[in-house]
Amino acid sequence: MHPSVPELWRLYREIAPAAPAEIPAAFYFCDNREDADICADLVVQGRKRATACSLAELELSGQPVPQAGDFAIVTDWDGRARAVIRTKAVEIRAFIEVNAEFAREEGEGDLSLEWWRTAHRAYFERVLAGSRHTADDALLIACERFEVVLRA
């Protein structure tokens, strides 16, 4: 764990002492350096206020489905803390049911649903390759909306 992660959580707990003492999960978005760093910047800028992961990838990684109220620390590819986020809401939808409003809230690319579907289908194909899961229109997606509660 990069030293900036516990330090950012310590700073958050100074302004929100009721927050849990345990450091929440720290992660970067995406599966490559360029996209991970872009997404971290978008979170810090306030443009990215949502994210989507498939239930299949959560199952494969042993991670729970996010829940409203969860905290997390967004990092860049190298693990440096960039922001503390708190989940506001999670809706489970089939890939094909993700709408334009959610695509805009994700804040990536040109903000269109078409861009979202192309980029996310390619991502899900990569992360689910070799598993029993397929990146099709029925793939269940955890559509998570969050707020930034502290920027690094």
C-alpha atoms as a PDB file:
ATOM      1  CA  MET A   1       0.000   0.000   0.000  1.00  0.00           C
ATOM      2  CA  HIS A   2       1.344   3.399  -0.998  1.00  0.00           C
ATOM      3  CA  PRO A   3       1.927   5.620   2.088  1.00  0.00           C
ATOM      4  CA  SER A   4      -0.426   8.249   0.643  1.00  0.00           C
ATOM      5  CA  VAL A   5      -3.427   5.924   1.169  1.00  0.00           C
ATOM      6  CA  PRO A   6      -3.383   5.754   4.990  1.00  0.00           C
ATOM      7  CA  GLU A   7      -2.346   9.411   5.091  1.00  0.00           C
ATOM      8  CA  LEU A   8      -5.353  10.537   3.023  1.00  0.00           C
ATOM      9  CA  TRP A   9      -7.658   8.419   5.185  1.00  0.00           C
ATOM     10  CA  ARG A  10      -6.118   9.973   8.328  1.00  0.00           C
ATOM     11  CA  LEU A  11      -6.800  13.430   6.897  1.00  0.00           C
ATOM     12  CA  TYR A  12     -10.377  12.477   6.093  1.00  0.00           C
ATOM     13  CA  ARG A  13     -10.953  11.175   9.615  1.00  0.00           C
ATOM     14  CA  GLU A  14      -9.759  14.523  10.991  1.00  0.00           C
ATOM     15  CA  ILE A  15     -12.669  16.249   9.249  1.00  0.00           C
ATOM     16  CA  ALA A  16     -15.086  13.315   9.687  1.00  0.00           C
ATOM     17  CA  PRO A  17     -14.217  11.643  13.008  1.00  0.00           C
ATOM     18  CA  ALA A  18     -17.270   9.369  12.821  1.00  0.00           C
ATOM     19  CA  ALA A  19     -15.785   7.639   9.757  1.00  0.00           C
ATOM     20  CA  PRO A  20     -14.561   4.075  10.381  1.00  0.00           C
ATOM     21  CA  ALA A  21     -11.032   3.737  11.735  1.00  0.00           C
ATOM     22  CA  GLU A  22     -10.206   0.965   9.282  1.00  0.00           C
ATOM     23  CA  ILE A  23      -8.733   2.169   6.000  1.00  0.00           C
ATOM     24  CA  PRO A  24     -11.219   1.427   3.204  1.00  0.00           C
ATOM     25  CA  ALA A  25     -10.377  -0.358  -0.033  1.00  0.00           C
ATOM     26  CA  ALA A  26      -7.997   1.547  -2.279  1.00  0.00           C
ATOM     27  CA  PHE A  27      -8.159   0.971  -6.019  1.00  0.00           C
ATOM     28  CA  TYR A  28      -7.617   2.429  -9.459  1.00  0.00           C
ATOM     29  CA  PHE A  29     -10.168   2.380 -12.239  1.00  0.00           C
ATOM     30  CA  CYS A  30      -9.629   0.408 -15.460  1.00  0.00           C
ATOM     31  CA  ASP A  31      -7.045  -2.180 -16.426  1.00  0.00           C
ATOM     32  CA  ASN A  32      -4.190  -0.045 -17.777  1.00  0.00           C
ATOM     33  CA  ARG A  33      -2.043   2.905 -16.686  1.00  0.00           C
ATOM     34  CA  GLU A  34      -3.335   5.490 -19.156  1.00  0.00           C
ATOM     35  CA  ASP A  35      -7.026   4.952 -18.411  1.00  0.00           C
ATOM     36  CA  ALA A  36      -6.467   4.540 -14.662  1.00  0.00           C
ATOM     37  CA  ASP A  37      -4.629   7.846 -14.436  1.00  0.00           C
ATOM     38  CA  ILE A  38      -7.188   9.632 -16.638  1.00  0.00           C
ATOM     39  CA  CYS A  39     -10.042   8.346 -14.482  1.00  0.00           C
ATOM     40  CA  ALA A  40      -8.299   9.392 -11.266  1.00  0.00           C
ATOM     41  CA  ASP A  41      -7.905  12.896 -12.716  1.00  0.00           C
ATOM     42  CA  LEU A  42     -11.583  12.949 -13.737  1.00  0.00           C
ATOM     43  CA  VAL A  43     -12.605  12.028 -10.174  1.00  0.00           C
ATOM     44  CA  VAL A  44     -10.456  14.814  -8.724  1.00  0.00           C
ATOM     45  CA  GLN A  45     -11.886  17.293 -11.261  1.00  0.00           C
ATOM     46  CA  GLY A  46     -15.431  16.298 -10.285  1.00  0.00           C
ATOM     47  CA  ARG A  47     -16.359  15.091 -13.770  1.00  0.00           C
ATOM     48  CA  LYS A  48     -16.406  11.368 -12.902  1.00  0.00           C
ATOM     49  CA  ARG A  49     -19.169  10.699 -10.365  1.00  0.00           C
ATOM     50  CA  ALA A  50     -20.006   7.092 -11.215  1.00  0.00           C
ATOM     51  CA  THR A  51     -18.425   3.793 -12.135  1.00  0.00           C
ATOM     52  CA  ALA A  52     -19.560   0.437 -13.464  1.00  0.00           C
ATOM     53  CA  CYS A  53     -18.267  -3.032 -12.738  1.00  0.00           C
ATOM     54  CA  SER A  54     -19.774  -6.314 -13.760  1.00  0.00           C
ATOM     55  CA  LEU A  55     -21.055  -8.692 -11.130  1.00  0.00           C
ATOM     56  CA  ALA A  56     -18.983 -11.331 -12.921  1.00  0.00           C
ATOM     57  CA  GLU A  57     -15.698  -9.468 -12.382  1.00  0.00           C
ATOM     58  CA  LEU A  58     -16.615  -8.873  -8.735  1.00  0.00           C
ATOM     59  CA  GLU A  59     -17.271 -12.601  -8.351  1.00  0.00           C
ATOM     60  CA  LEU A  60     -13.975 -13.514 -10.045  1.00  0.00           C
ATOM     61  CA  SER A  61     -11.995 -11.114  -7.844  1.00  0.00           C
ATOM     62  CA  GLY A  62     -13.811 -12.021  -4.634  1.00  0.00           C
ATOM     63  CA  GLN A  63     -14.971  -8.447  -4.118  1.00  0.00           C
ATOM     64  CA  PRO A  64     -18.405  -7.585  -2.719  1.00  0.00           C
ATOM     65  CA  VAL A  65     -20.987  -5.572  -4.618  1.00  0.00           C
ATOM     66  CA  PRO A  66     -20.587  -1.942  -3.549  1.00  0.00           C
ATOM     67  CA  GLN A  67     -23.221  -0.613  -1.152  1.00  0.00           C
ATOM     68  CA  ALA A  68     -24.494   2.879  -0.428  1.00  0.00           C
ATOM     69  CA  GLY A  69     -22.365   4.397   2.328  1.00  0.00           C
ATOM     70  CA  ASP A  70     -19.179   2.511   1.401  1.00  0.00           C
ATOM     71  CA  PHE A  71     -15.962   4.512   1.400  1.00  0.00           C
ATOM     72  CA  ALA A  72     -13.061   3.897  -0.963  1.00  0.00           C
ATOM     73  CA  ILE A  73      -9.809   5.579  -1.862  1.00  0.00           C
ATOM     74  CA  VAL A  74      -9.233   6.197  -5.551  1.00  0.00           C
ATOM     75  CA  THR A  75      -5.605   5.919  -6.608  1.00  0.00           C
ATOM     76  CA  ASP A  76      -3.633   6.377  -9.769  1.00  0.00           C
ATOM     77  CA  TRP A  77      -2.034   3.364 -11.460  1.00  0.00           C
ATOM     78  CA  ASP A  78       0.963   3.546  -9.119  1.00  0.00           C
ATOM     79  CA  GLY A  79      -1.267   3.393  -6.029  1.00  0.00           C
ATOM     80  CA  ARG A  80      -0.961   7.050  -4.997  1.00  0.00           C
ATOM     81  CA  ALA A  81      -4.135   8.234  -3.274  1.00  0.00           C
ATOM     82  CA  ARG A  82      -6.038  10.858  -5.234  1.00  0.00           C
ATOM     83  CA  ALA A  83      -9.445  11.045  -3.518  1.00  0.00           C
ATOM     84  CA  VAL A  84     -11.728   9.561  -0.901  1.00  0.00           C
ATOM     85  CA  ILE A  85     -15.134   8.681  -2.322  1.00  0.00           C
ATOM     86  CA  ARG A  86     -18.376   7.540  -0.719  1.00  0.00           C
ATOM     87  CA  THR A  87     -20.937   5.451  -2.574  1.00  0.00           C
ATOM     88  CA  LYS A  88     -24.306   7.186  -2.856  1.00  0.00           C
ATOM     89  CA  ALA A  89     -26.279   4.492  -4.703  1.00  0.00           C
ATOM     90  CA  VAL A  90     -25.860   1.220  -6.582  1.00  0.00           C
ATOM     91  CA  GLU A  91     -28.265  -0.157  -9.168  1.00  0.00           C
ATOM     92  CA  ILE A  92     -27.852  -3.533 -10.836  1.00  0.00           C
ATOM     93  CA  ARG A  93     -28.706  -3.364 -14.537  1.00  0.00           C
ATOM     94  CA  ALA A  94     -28.087  -5.494 -17.586  1.00  0.00           C
ATOM     95  CA  PHE A  95     -25.386  -3.998 -19.806  1.00  0.00           C
ATOM     96  CA  ILE A  96     -27.981  -3.056 -22.439  1.00  0.00           C
ATOM     97  CA  GLU A  97     -30.069  -1.244 -19.776  1.00  0.00           C
ATOM     98  CA  VAL A  98     -27.327   1.212 -18.797  1.00  0.00           C
ATOM     99  CA  ASN A  99     -28.648   4.580 -19.941  1.00  0.00           C
ATOM    100  CA  ALA A 100     -27.251   7.853 -21.274  1.00  0.00           C
ATOM    101  CA  GLU A 101     -27.638   9.617 -17.910  1.00  0.00           C
ATOM    102  CA  PHE A 102     -25.384   7.057 -16.224  1.00  0.00           C
ATOM    103  CA  ALA A 103     -22.862   7.236 -19.096  1.00  0.00           C
ATOM    104  CA  ARG A 104     -22.629  11.022 -18.582  1.00  0.00           C
ATOM    105  CA  GLU A 105     -22.143  10.607 -14.832  1.00  0.00           C
ATOM    106  CA  GLU A 106     -19.253   8.208 -15.459  1.00  0.00           C
ATOM    107  CA  GLY A 107     -17.569  11.227 -17.010  1.00  0.00           C
ATOM    108  CA  GLU A 108     -15.386   9.377 -19.502  1.00  0.00           C
ATOM    109  CA  GLY A 109     -14.768   9.827 -23.224  1.00  0.00           C
ATOM    110  CA  ASP A 110     -17.279  12.084 -24.973  1.00  0.00           C
ATOM    111  CA  LEU A 111     -19.907  11.347 -22.279  1.00  0.00           C
ATOM    112  CA  SER A 112     -22.184   9.577 -24.777  1.00  0.00           C
ATOM    113  CA  LEU A 113     -23.907   6.240 -24.270  1.00  0.00           C
ATOM    114  CA  GLU A 114     -22.380   5.004 -27.537  1.00  0.00           C
ATOM    115  CA  TRP A 115     -18.854   5.748 -26.275  1.00  0.00           C
ATOM    116  CA  TRP A 116     -19.682   4.151 -22.911  1.00  0.00           C
ATOM    117  CA  ARG A 117     -20.956   0.940 -24.512  1.00  0.00           C
ATOM    118  CA  THR A 118     -17.977   0.593 -26.850  1.00  0.00           C
ATOM    119  CA  ALA A 119     -15.357   1.275 -24.162  1.00  0.00           C
ATOM    120  CA  HIS A 120     -17.022  -0.820 -21.468  1.00  0.00           C
ATOM    121  CA  ARG A 121     -17.773  -3.795 -23.706  1.00  0.00           C
ATOM    122  CA  ALA A 122     -14.076  -3.876 -24.673  1.00  0.00           C
ATOM    123  CA  TYR A 123     -13.077  -3.604 -20.995  1.00  0.00           C
ATOM    124  CA  PHE A 124     -15.450  -6.372 -19.886  1.00  0.00           C
ATOM    125  CA  GLU A 125     -14.229  -8.610 -22.713  1.00  0.00           C
ATOM    126  CA  ARG A 126     -10.652  -8.146 -21.483  1.00  0.00           C
ATOM    127  CA  VAL A 127     -11.302  -8.709 -17.769  1.00  0.00           C
ATOM    128  CA  LEU A 128     -13.642 -11.652 -18.314  1.00  0.00           C
ATOM    129  CA  ALA A 129     -11.468 -13.386 -20.942  1.00  0.00           C
ATOM    130  CA  GLY A 130     -10.840 -17.017 -20.048  1.00  0.00           C
ATOM    131  CA  SER A 131     -13.718 -17.151 -17.563  1.00  0.00           C
ATOM    132  CA  ARG A 132     -17.143 -18.704 -17.973  1.00  0.00           C
ATOM    133  CA  HIS A 133     -18.638 -15.202 -18.325  1.00  0.00           C
ATOM    134  CA  THR A 134     -19.296 -13.301 -21.541  1.00  0.00           C
ATOM    135  CA  ALA A 135     -19.495  -9.569 -22.154  1.00  0.00           C
ATOM    136  CA  ASP A 136     -22.924  -9.558 -23.767  1.00  0.00           C
ATOM    137  CA  ASP A 137     -26.032  -7.375 -23.451  1.00  0.00           C
ATOM    138  CA  ALA A 138     -27.285  -9.464 -20.508  1.00  0.00           C
ATOM    139  CA  LEU A 139     -24.106  -9.031 -18.416  1.00  0.00           C
ATOM    140  CA  LEU A 140     -25.157  -7.659 -15.024  1.00  0.00           C
ATOM    141  CA  ILE A 141     -23.524  -4.361 -14.121  1.00  0.00           C
ATOM    142  CA  ALA A 142     -23.275  -2.665 -10.728  1.00  0.00           C
ATOM    143  CA  CYS A 143     -23.897   0.972 -11.631  1.00  0.00           C
ATOM    144  CA  GLU A 144     -22.384   2.892  -8.726  1.00  0.00           C
ATOM    145  CA  ARG A 145     -22.819   6.601  -8.112  1.00  0.00           C
ATOM    146  CA  PHE A 146     -20.428   8.263  -5.676  1.00  0.00           C
ATOM    147  CA  GLU A 147     -19.402  11.574  -4.221  1.00  0.00           C
ATOM    148  CA  VAL A 148     -15.895  12.826  -3.606  1.00  0.00           C
ATOM    149  CA  VAL A 149     -15.545  13.620   0.087  1.00  0.00           C
ATOM    150  CA  LEU A 150     -11.836  14.554   0.017  1.00  0.00           C
ATOM    151  CA  ARG A 151      -9.331  15.271  -2.735  1.00  0.00           C
ATOM    152  CA  ALA A 152      -5.624  14.651  -2.199  1.00  0.00           C
END
